[in-house]
N, C-alpha and C. Protein backbone atom coordinates (compact mmCIF):
# COMPACT_ATOMS: atom_id res chain seq x y z
N MET A 1 232.09 7.87 -27.26
CA MET A 1 231.35 9.45 -27.14
C MET A 1 232.90 10.37 -27.16
N LYS A 2 233.83 10.54 -26.67
CA LYS A 2 235.09 11.06 -27.16
C LYS A 2 235.46 11.12 -28.82
N GLU A 3 234.97 10.21 -29.19
CA GLU A 3 235.64 9.85 -30.36
C GLU A 3 234.37 10.77 -31.20
N CYS A 4 233.49 10.84 -31.03
CA CYS A 4 232.11 11.26 -31.51
C CYS A 4 232.48 12.98 -31.29
N ILE A 5 233.00 13.48 -30.56
CA ILE A 5 233.21 14.84 -30.45
C ILE A 5 234.12 15.09 -31.11
N LYS A 6 235.51 14.69 -31.40
CA LYS A 6 236.37 14.94 -32.17
C LYS A 6 235.73 14.43 -33.60
N VAL A 7 235.21 13.84 -33.75
CA VAL A 7 234.66 13.13 -35.04
C VAL A 7 233.81 15.10 -35.81
N LYS A 8 232.85 14.92 -34.79
CA LYS A 8 231.69 16.70 -34.96
C LYS A 8 232.72 17.70 -35.32
N ARG A 9 233.95 17.44 -34.85
CA ARG A 9 235.02 18.69 -35.01
C ARG A 9 235.37 19.05 -36.29
N LEU A 10 236.04 17.46 -36.54
CA LEU A 10 236.17 17.36 -38.04
C LEU A 10 235.83 17.42 -39.23
N LEU A 11 234.05 16.76 -39.32
CA LEU A 11 232.92 16.94 -40.12
C LEU A 11 232.70 17.98 -40.97
N SER A 12 232.99 19.20 -40.51
CA SER A 12 233.16 20.51 -41.84
C SER A 12 234.33 20.15 -42.76
N ARG A 13 235.50 19.89 -41.61
CA ARG A 13 236.75 20.39 -42.64
C ARG A 13 236.79 19.20 -43.52
N TYR A 14 236.40 17.83 -43.15
CA TYR A 14 236.15 16.37 -44.04
C TYR A 14 235.23 16.55 -45.37
N LEU A 15 234.07 17.63 -45.00
CA LEU A 15 233.37 17.61 -46.29
C LEU A 15 233.79 18.52 -47.02
N ASP A 16 234.62 19.41 -46.63
CA ASP A 16 235.50 20.38 -47.23
C ASP A 16 236.67 20.02 -47.72
N LYS A 17 236.45 18.96 -47.76
CA LYS A 17 238.12 17.95 -48.12
C LYS A 17 239.39 18.50 -47.86
N GLU A 18 239.59 19.31 -47.00
CA GLU A 18 240.73 19.57 -45.84
C GLU A 18 241.35 19.16 -44.84
N THR A 19 240.71 17.95 -44.93
CA THR A 19 241.73 16.74 -43.67
C THR A 19 242.72 15.95 -44.01
N GLY A 20 243.61 15.83 -43.05
CA GLY A 20 244.57 14.64 -43.90
C GLY A 20 244.31 13.46 -44.01
N ASP A 21 244.74 12.36 -44.36
CA ASP A 21 244.92 11.28 -44.51
C ASP A 21 244.27 10.29 -42.98
N ALA A 22 245.02 10.48 -42.14
CA ALA A 22 245.15 10.13 -41.04
C ALA A 22 243.26 10.57 -40.17
N ASP A 23 243.38 12.31 -40.37
CA ASP A 23 241.58 12.23 -39.95
C ASP A 23 240.96 11.83 -40.84
N SER A 24 240.77 11.83 -42.01
CA SER A 24 240.04 11.16 -42.85
C SER A 24 239.42 10.03 -42.28
N ALA A 25 240.13 9.23 -42.58
CA ALA A 25 240.24 7.75 -42.06
C ALA A 25 239.68 7.22 -41.05
N LEU A 26 240.10 8.62 -40.01
CA LEU A 26 238.94 8.42 -38.66
C LEU A 26 237.36 8.84 -38.84
N VAL A 27 237.45 9.79 -39.62
CA VAL A 27 235.80 10.08 -39.89
C VAL A 27 234.96 9.71 -40.71
N GLU A 28 235.86 8.17 -41.58
CA GLU A 28 234.92 7.35 -42.75
C GLU A 28 234.68 5.89 -41.42
N ALA A 29 235.83 5.79 -40.56
CA ALA A 29 235.60 4.30 -39.90
C ALA A 29 234.41 4.96 -38.70
N HIS A 30 234.70 5.89 -38.06
CA HIS A 30 233.83 6.28 -37.12
C HIS A 30 232.08 6.53 -37.59
N ILE A 31 232.03 6.93 -38.55
CA ILE A 31 230.78 7.61 -39.58
C ILE A 31 229.88 6.08 -40.16
N ASP A 32 230.92 4.63 -40.08
CA ASP A 32 230.46 3.50 -40.48
C ASP A 32 229.58 2.71 -39.38
N ILE A 33 229.97 2.83 -38.32
CA ILE A 33 229.69 2.30 -37.08
C ILE A 33 228.97 3.48 -35.97
N CYS A 34 228.67 5.27 -36.54
CA CYS A 34 227.89 6.09 -35.61
C CYS A 34 226.77 6.48 -36.27
N PRO A 35 225.47 6.31 -36.32
CA PRO A 35 224.61 6.87 -36.61
C PRO A 35 224.74 8.11 -36.77
N LEU A 36 224.45 8.50 -35.56
CA LEU A 36 223.84 10.08 -35.06
C LEU A 36 224.87 11.01 -36.09
N CYS A 37 226.50 10.65 -35.76
CA CYS A 37 227.56 11.05 -36.86
C CYS A 37 227.02 11.61 -38.16
N LYS A 38 227.11 10.15 -38.26
CA LYS A 38 226.25 9.85 -40.12
C LYS A 38 225.41 10.61 -40.23
N LYS A 39 224.17 10.83 -39.68
CA LYS A 39 223.19 11.80 -40.08
C LYS A 39 223.79 13.18 -39.92
N GLU A 40 224.67 14.10 -38.80
CA GLU A 40 224.99 15.28 -38.85
C GLU A 40 225.63 15.24 -40.31
N LEU A 41 226.57 14.48 -40.67
CA LEU A 41 227.86 14.49 -42.10
C LEU A 41 226.50 14.90 -42.84
N SER A 42 225.32 14.20 -43.34
CA SER A 42 224.27 14.01 -44.22
C SER A 42 223.75 15.57 -44.49
N GLU A 43 223.34 15.86 -42.74
CA GLU A 43 223.06 17.10 -42.75
C GLU A 43 223.56 18.35 -43.24
N LEU A 44 224.81 18.24 -42.94
CA LEU A 44 225.96 18.78 -43.59
C LEU A 44 226.04 19.13 -44.82
N SER A 45 225.84 17.83 -45.29
CA SER A 45 226.14 17.67 -46.89
C SER A 45 225.13 18.58 -47.46
N ARG A 46 223.95 18.17 -47.06
CA ARG A 46 222.96 19.20 -47.67
C ARG A 46 222.60 20.59 -47.54
N ILE A 47 223.22 20.93 -46.54
CA ILE A 47 223.33 22.47 -46.70
C ILE A 47 224.53 22.68 -47.51
N LYS A 48 225.83 22.02 -47.51
CA LYS A 48 226.27 22.27 -48.82
C LYS A 48 225.66 22.43 -50.02
N GLU A 49 225.13 21.70 -50.24
CA GLU A 49 224.52 21.47 -51.51
C GLU A 49 223.56 22.54 -51.74
N LEU A 50 223.15 23.22 -50.77
CA LEU A 50 222.00 23.77 -50.37
C LEU A 50 222.74 25.80 -51.38
N ILE A 51 224.16 25.84 -50.51
CA ILE A 51 224.42 26.46 -50.40
C ILE A 51 224.89 27.08 -51.73
N LEU A 52 225.68 26.12 -52.09
CA LEU A 52 226.24 25.77 -53.30
C LEU A 52 225.54 26.40 -54.86
N GLY A 53 224.36 25.79 -54.45
CA GLY A 53 222.92 25.62 -55.43
C GLY A 53 222.46 26.94 -55.60
N LYS A 54 222.48 27.79 -54.82
CA LYS A 54 222.01 29.25 -54.84
C LYS A 54 222.89 30.16 -56.41
N GLU A 55 221.95 30.50 -56.33
CA GLU A 55 222.58 31.87 -57.52
C GLU A 55 223.25 32.62 -56.82
N ARG A 56 224.88 33.33 -57.24
CA ARG A 56 225.38 34.48 -56.29
C ARG A 56 225.36 35.46 -57.39
N ARG A 57 224.44 36.25 -56.66
CA ARG A 57 224.24 37.64 -57.15
C ARG A 57 225.46 38.86 -56.91
N THR A 58 225.75 39.40 -57.41
CA THR A 58 227.12 40.68 -57.28
C THR A 58 226.14 42.00 -57.33
N LEU A 59 226.22 42.76 -56.05
CA LEU A 59 225.28 44.02 -56.16
C LEU A 59 226.39 44.97 -57.16
N PRO A 60 225.32 45.65 -57.93
CA PRO A 60 226.01 47.03 -59.01
C PRO A 60 226.79 47.56 -58.42
N GLU A 61 227.94 48.40 -58.77
CA GLU A 61 229.18 48.88 -58.32
C GLU A 61 228.76 50.15 -57.70
N ASP A 62 227.48 51.15 -58.11
CA ASP A 62 227.23 52.02 -57.11
C ASP A 62 225.99 51.67 -56.62
N TYR A 63 225.64 50.90 -56.05
CA TYR A 63 224.62 50.24 -55.08
C TYR A 63 224.93 50.76 -53.73
N LEU A 64 225.81 51.14 -53.26
CA LEU A 64 225.79 51.44 -51.92
C LEU A 64 225.73 53.19 -51.70
N VAL A 65 225.68 53.55 -52.81
CA VAL A 65 225.91 54.91 -53.00
C VAL A 65 224.59 55.33 -53.01
N CYS A 66 224.01 54.53 -54.23
CA CYS A 66 222.52 54.86 -54.41
C CYS A 66 221.75 54.70 -53.34
N ARG A 67 222.09 53.74 -52.18
CA ARG A 67 221.15 53.63 -50.98
C ARG A 67 221.44 54.70 -49.98
N LEU A 68 223.25 55.29 -49.95
CA LEU A 68 222.91 56.18 -49.11
C LEU A 68 222.37 57.37 -49.63
N ARG A 69 222.45 58.06 -50.74
CA ARG A 69 221.63 58.70 -51.15
C ARG A 69 220.22 58.91 -50.76
N GLU A 70 219.46 57.53 -51.03
CA GLU A 70 218.46 57.59 -50.82
C GLU A 70 218.02 58.02 -49.47
N LYS A 71 218.64 57.35 -48.75
CA LYS A 71 218.46 57.05 -46.91
C LYS A 71 218.75 58.85 -46.51
N ILE A 72 219.63 59.51 -47.17
CA ILE A 72 219.59 60.83 -47.03
C ILE A 72 218.50 61.97 -47.50
N ALA A 73 218.35 61.68 -48.71
CA ALA A 73 217.28 62.24 -49.20
C ALA A 73 215.99 61.90 -48.22
N SER A 74 215.59 60.46 -47.66
CA SER A 74 214.64 60.18 -47.12
C SER A 74 214.76 61.05 -46.00
N GLU A 75 215.62 61.12 -45.21
CA GLU A 75 215.81 61.73 -43.94
C GLU A 75 215.39 63.46 -43.94
N GLN A 76 216.12 63.91 -45.24
CA GLN A 76 215.79 65.57 -45.47
C GLN A 76 214.25 65.62 -45.39
N TYR A 77 213.65 64.77 -46.21
CA TYR A 77 212.18 65.06 -46.63
C TYR A 77 211.29 64.96 -45.00
N THR A 78 211.95 63.74 -44.17
CA THR A 78 211.73 64.16 -43.13
C THR A 78 211.44 64.84 -42.05
N GLU A 79 212.84 65.49 -42.52
CA GLU A 79 213.26 66.57 -41.23
C GLU A 79 212.24 68.09 -42.09
N LYS A 80 212.35 67.89 -43.64
CA LYS A 80 211.32 69.12 -43.54
C LYS A 80 209.91 69.27 -43.19
N ARG A 81 209.57 67.86 -43.50
CA ARG A 81 208.08 67.69 -43.36
C ARG A 81 207.89 67.92 -41.43
N LEU A 82 208.48 67.67 -40.66
CA LEU A 82 208.57 67.96 -39.47
C LEU A 82 208.76 69.43 -38.89
N SER A 83 209.85 70.01 -39.99
CA SER A 83 209.30 71.67 -39.95
C SER A 83 208.06 72.20 -40.18
N LEU A 84 207.56 71.61 -41.11
CA LEU A 84 206.66 72.07 -41.81
C LEU A 84 205.32 72.21 -40.73
N VAL A 85 205.23 70.85 -39.99
CA VAL A 85 204.27 70.72 -39.15
C VAL A 85 204.32 71.43 -38.07
N GLY A 86 205.68 71.57 -37.66
CA GLY A 86 205.92 72.54 -36.47
C GLY A 86 205.25 74.25 -36.97
N ILE A 87 205.72 74.41 -37.87
CA ILE A 87 205.05 75.59 -38.29
C ILE A 87 203.79 76.03 -38.70
N GLY A 88 203.32 74.74 -38.75
CA GLY A 88 201.60 74.84 -38.95
C GLY A 88 201.21 75.05 -37.60
N SER A 89 201.86 74.35 -36.54
CA SER A 89 201.14 74.40 -34.98
C SER A 89 201.32 75.78 -34.43
N LEU A 90 202.70 76.10 -34.78
CA LEU A 90 202.89 77.91 -34.62
C LEU A 90 202.21 78.27 -34.96
N SER A 91 201.70 78.24 -35.97
CA SER A 91 200.39 79.41 -36.70
C SER A 91 199.40 79.52 -36.19
N ARG A 92 198.96 77.93 -35.91
CA ARG A 92 197.42 77.95 -35.16
C ARG A 92 197.53 78.64 -33.88
N ARG A 93 198.89 78.55 -32.98
CA ARG A 93 198.59 79.47 -32.22
C ARG A 93 198.81 81.13 -32.21
N LEU A 94 199.74 81.04 -32.86
CA LEU A 94 199.24 82.71 -33.37
C LEU A 94 198.12 83.40 -34.00
N ILE A 95 197.35 82.63 -34.90
CA ILE A 95 196.50 83.13 -35.24
C ILE A 95 195.59 84.47 -34.42
N PRO A 96 195.45 83.77 -33.35
CA PRO A 96 194.67 84.12 -32.46
C PRO A 96 195.06 85.61 -31.75
N VAL A 97 196.23 85.99 -32.29
CA VAL A 97 196.52 87.29 -32.14
C VAL A 97 196.65 88.37 -32.84
N PRO A 98 196.67 88.34 -33.71
CA PRO A 98 196.17 89.55 -34.88
C PRO A 98 194.79 89.18 -35.22
N VAL A 99 194.40 88.57 -34.72
CA VAL A 99 192.45 88.25 -34.94
C VAL A 99 192.10 89.20 -34.01
N ALA A 100 192.68 89.26 -32.53
CA ALA A 100 191.98 89.58 -31.50
C ALA A 100 192.41 90.93 -32.05
N THR A 101 193.64 91.85 -32.46
CA THR A 101 194.07 92.97 -32.55
C THR A 101 193.74 93.44 -33.33
N ILE A 102 192.76 92.74 -34.55
CA ILE A 102 192.29 93.33 -35.67
C ILE A 102 190.66 94.03 -34.97
N ILE A 103 190.37 92.98 -34.35
CA ILE A 103 188.80 93.38 -33.51
C ILE A 103 188.93 94.47 -32.57
N LEU A 104 190.27 94.52 -32.01
CA LEU A 104 190.30 95.84 -30.81
C LEU A 104 190.21 97.22 -31.96
N LEU A 105 191.18 96.84 -32.71
CA LEU A 105 191.27 98.28 -33.80
C LEU A 105 189.96 98.55 -34.34
N ILE A 106 188.53 97.76 -35.06
CA ILE A 106 187.84 97.70 -35.45
C ILE A 106 186.60 98.21 -34.62
N THR A 107 187.08 98.33 -33.24
CA THR A 107 185.89 98.51 -32.23
C THR A 107 186.32 99.92 -31.95
N PHE A 108 187.91 100.02 -31.82
CA PHE A 108 188.08 101.61 -31.47
C PHE A 108 188.17 102.51 -32.46
N LEU A 109 187.85 101.96 -33.88
CA LEU A 109 187.47 102.79 -34.78
C LEU A 109 185.59 103.20 -35.00
N PHE A 110 185.36 102.45 -34.79
CA PHE A 110 183.96 102.29 -34.53
C PHE A 110 183.31 103.25 -33.83
N LEU A 111 183.90 103.36 -32.36
CA LEU A 111 183.54 104.25 -31.27
C LEU A 111 184.33 105.60 -31.70
N ILE A 112 185.62 106.00 -32.45
CA ILE A 112 185.38 106.99 -33.23
C ILE A 112 184.79 107.77 -34.36
N SER A 113 184.22 106.95 -34.74
CA SER A 113 183.54 107.30 -35.86
C SER A 113 182.30 107.46 -35.75
N THR A 114 181.88 107.43 -34.09
CA THR A 114 180.31 107.93 -34.08
C THR A 114 180.57 109.05 -33.30
N GLY A 115 181.46 109.86 -33.56
CA GLY A 115 181.68 111.59 -33.72
C GLY A 115 181.81 111.80 -31.71
N GLN A 116 181.98 110.98 -31.15
CA GLN A 116 182.48 111.58 -29.51
C GLN A 116 183.68 111.72 -29.62
N GLN A 117 184.38 112.79 -29.15
CA GLN A 117 185.90 113.02 -29.11
C GLN A 117 186.01 112.73 -27.49
N VAL A 118 187.31 112.39 -27.74
CA VAL A 118 188.07 112.02 -26.22
C VAL A 118 188.79 113.18 -25.76
N SER A 119 188.75 113.71 -25.16
CA SER A 119 189.23 114.60 -24.09
C SER A 119 190.81 114.51 -23.74
N GLU A 120 191.71 114.92 -23.88
CA GLU A 120 193.28 114.56 -23.14
C GLU A 120 193.05 114.80 -21.87
N SER A 121 192.77 115.85 -21.53
CA SER A 121 192.54 116.07 -19.95
C SER A 121 191.77 115.26 -19.29
N SER A 122 190.66 114.95 -19.79
CA SER A 122 189.57 114.56 -18.91
C SER A 122 189.89 113.71 -18.26
N LEU A 123 190.68 112.40 -18.57
CA LEU A 123 191.31 111.52 -17.29
C LEU A 123 191.84 112.16 -16.73
N GLU A 124 192.84 113.26 -17.13
CA GLU A 124 193.99 113.74 -15.77
C GLU A 124 193.13 114.52 -14.66
N ASP A 125 191.95 115.19 -15.32
CA ASP A 125 191.24 115.79 -14.28
C ASP A 125 190.40 115.17 -13.38
N ASN A 126 189.92 114.23 -13.64
CA ASN A 126 189.02 113.12 -13.13
C ASN A 126 190.20 112.64 -12.05
N ILE A 127 191.08 112.19 -12.40
CA ILE A 127 192.59 111.46 -11.34
C ILE A 127 192.59 112.07 -10.36
N LEU A 128 192.93 113.34 -10.80
CA LEU A 128 193.14 114.92 -9.86
C LEU A 128 192.35 115.14 -9.02
N SER A 129 191.12 115.27 -9.55
CA SER A 129 190.15 115.68 -8.45
C SER A 129 190.38 115.34 -7.57
N GLY A 130 190.96 113.56 -7.56
CA GLY A 130 190.48 112.92 -6.12
C GLY A 130 189.46 112.29 -5.86
N ALA A 131 188.74 112.11 -6.94
CA ALA A 131 187.23 110.97 -7.27
C ALA A 131 187.94 109.80 -7.60
N PRO A 132 187.02 108.77 -7.05
CA PRO A 132 187.73 107.67 -7.41
C PRO A 132 187.08 107.13 -8.71
N VAL A 133 188.33 106.56 -9.20
CA VAL A 133 187.88 106.16 -10.80
C VAL A 133 188.08 104.48 -11.10
N THR A 134 186.95 104.26 -11.59
CA THR A 134 186.78 102.70 -11.72
C THR A 134 187.77 102.25 -12.96
N THR A 135 187.70 101.57 -13.44
CA THR A 135 188.28 100.45 -14.31
C THR A 135 187.37 101.04 -15.64
N GLU A 136 185.71 101.03 -15.48
CA GLU A 136 185.14 101.21 -16.44
C GLU A 136 184.84 102.60 -16.53
N ALA A 137 184.96 103.59 -15.73
CA ALA A 137 185.09 104.98 -15.78
C ALA A 137 186.39 105.54 -16.50
N ALA A 138 187.53 105.07 -16.48
CA ALA A 138 188.59 105.21 -17.00
C ALA A 138 188.74 104.68 -18.48
N LEU A 139 188.35 103.68 -18.57
CA LEU A 139 188.07 103.23 -19.75
C LEU A 139 187.01 103.71 -21.28
N GLY A 140 185.85 104.37 -20.40
CA GLY A 140 184.83 105.20 -20.72
C GLY A 140 185.61 106.47 -21.35
N LEU A 141 186.25 107.19 -20.18
CA LEU A 141 187.26 107.96 -20.51
C LEU A 141 188.09 107.79 -21.67
N ILE A 142 188.81 107.32 -21.66
CA ILE A 142 189.67 106.83 -22.74
C ILE A 142 189.05 106.90 -24.39
N LEU A 143 188.02 106.27 -24.19
CA LEU A 143 187.49 105.77 -25.28
C LEU A 143 186.35 107.11 -25.97
N GLY A 144 186.24 107.86 -24.83
CA GLY A 144 185.32 109.00 -25.18
C GLY A 144 183.66 108.72 -25.21
N VAL A 145 183.76 107.68 -24.07
CA VAL A 145 181.86 107.46 -24.32
C VAL A 145 181.49 108.54 -23.14
N GLN A 146 180.82 109.45 -22.80
CA GLN A 146 180.16 110.31 -22.08
C GLN A 146 178.77 110.11 -21.28
N ASP A 147 179.08 109.94 -19.96
CA ASP A 147 177.56 109.72 -19.27
C ASP A 147 176.65 110.64 -19.51
């Protein structure tokens, strides 16, 4: 068992022919009598063959620069898109303000065009007279609606 542990540590180096004569002889002698270590050496050998059999490809020189540029462009597009989405939601929240202003302006112009004149002092006279003034009455006096 102790010998298996020692041999397993040497198997990879033995396979790469990096062991000395004494260690190589130890591994070879042990593999002849131990099926588990022989199987492990066989698996390591098969893995090495697969790795060496693979085609080694190299990346183009500017590969990393291109990938970095793509990533930056992608992030800028995302940020731009998010900012436009933010503007869209902001505009949906702000649209009612001008619409309400336009409606009030049209209403005010319509009331003025009906020919009723607003007396500048009528509201002041009404308030100074001591008579109770309701909001409706004040609005009516401002807009020129006469009772």
